[in-house]
Amino acid sequence: KDGPYYWHIKSGTIQREPPEVPLNSKIENRRSFVKDQDS
């Protein structure tokens, strides 16, 4: 709960900006993003 996060229930990923592109192209990018934030 740090900042405006958007939880994607279908993909199980988290992103800060609202979904505006197909999740297909964001899933991999978001996974690495979440790992970076988790560190």
C-alpha atoms as a PDB file:
ATOM      1  CA  LYS A   1       0.000   0.000   0.000  1.00  0.00           C
ATOM      2  CA  ASP A   2       2.739   2.432  -0.973  1.00  0.00           C
ATOM      3  CA  GLY A   3       1.262   4.956  -3.353  1.00  0.00           C
ATOM      4  CA  PRO A   4      -1.404   4.509  -6.022  1.00  0.00           C
ATOM      5  CA  TYR A   5      -1.081   0.854  -6.961  1.00  0.00           C
ATOM      6  CA  TYR A   6      -3.415  -0.997  -9.277  1.00  0.00           C
ATOM      7  CA  TRP A   7      -3.772  -4.702  -8.568  1.00  0.00           C
ATOM      8  CA  HIS A   8      -4.458  -6.838 -11.622  1.00  0.00           C
ATOM      9  CA  ILE A   9      -6.463  -9.776 -10.367  1.00  0.00           C
ATOM     10  CA  LYS A  10      -6.378 -11.575 -13.720  1.00  0.00           C
ATOM     11  CA  SER A  11      -2.609 -11.392 -14.107  1.00  0.00           C
ATOM     12  CA  GLY A  12      -1.740 -11.132 -10.425  1.00  0.00           C
ATOM     13  CA  THR A  13       0.536  -8.165 -11.011  1.00  0.00           C
ATOM     14  CA  ILE A  14       0.732  -4.660  -9.590  1.00  0.00           C
ATOM     15  CA  GLN A  15       1.340  -1.419 -11.430  1.00  0.00           C
ATOM     16  CA  ARG A  16       1.297   2.238 -10.457  1.00  0.00           C
ATOM     17  CA  GLU A  17      -0.309   3.750 -13.531  1.00  0.00           C
ATOM     18  CA  PRO A  18      -3.839   2.885 -14.667  1.00  0.00           C
ATOM     19  CA  PRO A  19      -4.049   0.078 -17.247  1.00  0.00           C
ATOM     20  CA  GLU A  20      -4.047   1.715 -20.664  1.00  0.00           C
ATOM     21  CA  VAL A  21      -2.286  -0.929 -22.782  1.00  0.00           C
ATOM     22  CA  PRO A  22      -2.993  -4.662 -23.223  1.00  0.00           C
ATOM     23  CA  LEU A  23      -1.950  -6.611 -20.116  1.00  0.00           C
ATOM     24  CA  ASN A  24      -0.057  -9.004 -22.383  1.00  0.00           C
ATOM     25  CA  SER A  25       2.616  -6.397 -23.040  1.00  0.00           C
ATOM     26  CA  LYS A  26       2.732  -5.214 -19.431  1.00  0.00           C
ATOM     27  CA  ILE A  27       2.818  -8.452 -17.433  1.00  0.00           C
ATOM     28  CA  GLU A  28       6.545  -9.159 -17.802  1.00  0.00           C
ATOM     29  CA  ASN A  29       7.448  -5.517 -17.265  1.00  0.00           C
ATOM     30  CA  ARG A  30       5.233  -5.282 -14.199  1.00  0.00           C
ATOM     31  CA  ARG A  31       6.660  -8.443 -12.627  1.00  0.00           C
ATOM     32  CA  SER A  32      10.179  -7.042 -12.706  1.00  0.00           C
ATOM     33  CA  PHE A  33       8.802  -3.729 -11.442  1.00  0.00           C
ATOM     34  CA  VAL A  34       7.161  -5.390  -8.458  1.00  0.00           C
ATOM     35  CA  LYS A  35      10.347  -7.300  -7.618  1.00  0.00           C
ATOM     36  CA  ASP A  36      12.305  -4.047  -7.730  1.00  0.00           C
ATOM     37  CA  GLN A  37       9.850  -2.345  -5.375  1.00  0.00           C
ATOM     38  CA  ASP A  38       9.842  -5.327  -3.027  1.00  0.00           C
ATOM     39  CA  SER A  39      13.600  -5.108  -2.466  1.00  0.00           C
END
